[in-house]
Amino acid sequence: MDITVETLETPALTKAQLAELLFEQIGLNKRESKDMVDAFFDLVSNSLVDGDDVKITGFGNFQIRTKSPRPGRNPRTGEAIPIAARRVVTFHASQKLKEQIQADNLSNQAQV
């Protein structure tokens, strides 16, 4: 039996697909659709870089968190190395999104 794997990556929603959906469902031309998607992500990125949280109602919150410096270890050699302080982005799904995911999961289990 011959099994072919087209990609090892998990399927993802891309910016190009979002622009295509705007083109198909709203009727914007392709250039406007791409520009709108890019503008949205630029706005979110710039807000996070500036240290502002981003809240998308019904979807979730993106927050900047500052992590303190801490000791670490190279897993290969066991050598102690310092891990510098850094800022990271965290995402917390809204209750509405969590409920939608659980409802979809339950309906998929019922079909099996």
Protein backbone atom coordinates (compact mmCIF):
# COMPACT_ATOMS: atom_id res chain seq x y z
CA MET A 1 0.00 0.00 0.00
CA ASP A 2 1.43 3.39 -1.04
CA ILE A 3 0.83 6.29 1.36
CA THR A 4 1.80 9.78 0.25
CA VAL A 5 2.07 12.71 2.61
CA GLU A 6 1.49 16.04 0.90
CA THR A 7 2.67 18.11 3.85
CA LEU A 8 3.89 17.50 7.36
CA GLU A 9 2.48 20.82 8.56
CA THR A 10 -0.82 21.17 10.36
CA PRO A 11 -3.44 22.87 8.18
CA ALA A 12 -3.54 26.58 8.94
CA LEU A 13 -5.64 29.56 7.99
CA THR A 14 -3.37 31.93 6.08
CA LYS A 15 -3.54 35.65 5.39
CA ALA A 16 -4.02 34.82 1.71
CA GLN A 17 -7.04 32.67 2.57
CA LEU A 18 -8.50 35.45 4.72
CA ALA A 19 -8.09 37.90 1.83
CA GLU A 20 -9.75 35.40 -0.52
CA LEU A 21 -12.72 35.08 1.87
CA LEU A 22 -13.12 38.88 1.95
CA PHE A 23 -13.02 38.90 -1.84
CA GLU A 24 -15.64 36.14 -2.16
CA GLN A 25 -18.02 37.00 0.67
CA ILE A 26 -17.89 40.80 0.87
CA GLY A 27 -17.07 41.67 -2.71
CA LEU A 28 -13.92 43.69 -2.16
CA ASN A 29 -11.44 43.42 -4.98
CA LYS A 30 -8.42 41.22 -4.35
CA ARG A 31 -6.05 44.14 -3.75
CA GLU A 32 -8.41 45.76 -1.20
CA SER A 33 -8.91 42.40 0.51
CA LYS A 34 -5.16 41.84 0.87
CA ASP A 35 -4.63 45.41 2.08
CA MET A 36 -7.40 45.06 4.69
CA VAL A 37 -5.96 41.82 6.08
CA ASP A 38 -2.46 43.32 6.17
CA ALA A 39 -3.75 46.47 7.88
CA PHE A 40 -5.53 44.39 10.53
CA PHE A 41 -2.43 42.37 11.38
CA ASP A 42 -0.21 45.46 11.30
CA LEU A 43 -2.56 47.15 13.78
CA VAL A 44 -2.54 44.13 16.11
CA SER A 45 1.25 43.74 15.85
CA ASN A 46 1.95 47.43 16.44
CA SER A 47 -0.36 47.52 19.46
CA LEU A 48 1.42 44.54 21.00
CA VAL A 49 4.87 46.00 20.28
CA ASP A 50 3.76 49.21 22.00
CA GLY A 51 2.82 47.12 25.07
CA ASP A 52 -0.95 47.41 24.63
CA ASP A 53 -3.22 44.40 25.04
CA VAL A 54 -5.49 43.49 22.12
CA LYS A 55 -9.03 42.33 22.89
CA ILE A 56 -11.17 40.88 20.10
CA THR A 57 -14.67 40.45 21.46
CA GLY A 58 -16.00 36.92 21.04
CA PHE A 59 -12.54 35.61 20.10
CA GLY A 60 -9.99 36.34 22.82
CA ASN A 61 -7.24 38.53 24.25
CA PHE A 62 -3.62 38.92 23.21
CA GLN A 63 -1.51 40.17 26.09
CA ILE A 64 2.13 41.14 26.53
CA ARG A 65 3.82 39.49 29.47
CA THR A 66 7.29 40.34 30.76
CA LYS A 67 9.30 37.33 31.86
CA SER A 68 12.08 37.82 34.38
CA PRO A 69 15.61 36.59 33.76
CA ARG A 70 16.17 33.08 35.08
CA PRO A 71 18.77 30.36 35.15
CA GLY A 72 18.51 27.74 32.45
CA ARG A 73 20.39 24.70 31.28
CA ASN A 74 21.60 23.41 27.93
CA PRO A 75 19.81 20.04 27.67
CA ARG A 76 22.57 18.55 25.53
CA THR A 77 25.55 19.44 27.72
CA GLY A 78 23.92 20.17 31.06
CA GLU A 79 25.78 23.50 31.15
CA ALA A 80 24.05 26.27 33.12
CA ILE A 81 23.16 29.26 30.96
CA PRO A 82 21.30 32.45 31.85
CA ILE A 83 17.99 33.13 30.11
CA ALA A 84 17.54 36.86 29.57
CA ALA A 85 14.43 38.82 30.48
CA ARG A 86 12.01 39.05 27.57
CA ARG A 87 8.52 40.01 26.55
CA VAL A 88 6.17 37.34 25.21
CA VAL A 89 2.68 37.38 23.72
CA THR A 90 0.05 35.21 25.34
CA PHE A 91 -3.41 34.42 23.98
CA HIS A 92 -6.44 33.65 26.10
CA ALA A 93 -9.52 32.44 24.23
CA SER A 94 -12.84 34.06 25.11
CA GLN A 95 -15.51 32.04 26.86
CA LYS A 96 -17.64 32.25 23.70
CA LEU A 97 -14.84 30.74 21.57
CA LYS A 98 -14.22 28.00 24.14
CA GLU A 99 -17.92 27.12 24.12
CA GLN A 100 -17.98 26.96 20.31
CA ILE A 101 -14.96 24.65 20.28
CA GLN A 102 -16.50 22.37 22.89
CA ALA A 103 -19.87 22.30 21.08
CA ASP A 104 -18.12 21.33 17.83
CA ASN A 105 -16.07 18.68 19.64
CA LEU A 106 -19.19 17.18 21.21
CA SER A 107 -21.07 17.09 17.88
CA ASN A 108 -18.08 15.37 16.20
CA GLN A 109 -17.97 12.75 18.97
CA ALA A 110 -21.70 12.10 18.61
CA GLN A 111 -21.26 11.38 14.91
CA VAL A 112 -18.65 8.67 15.52
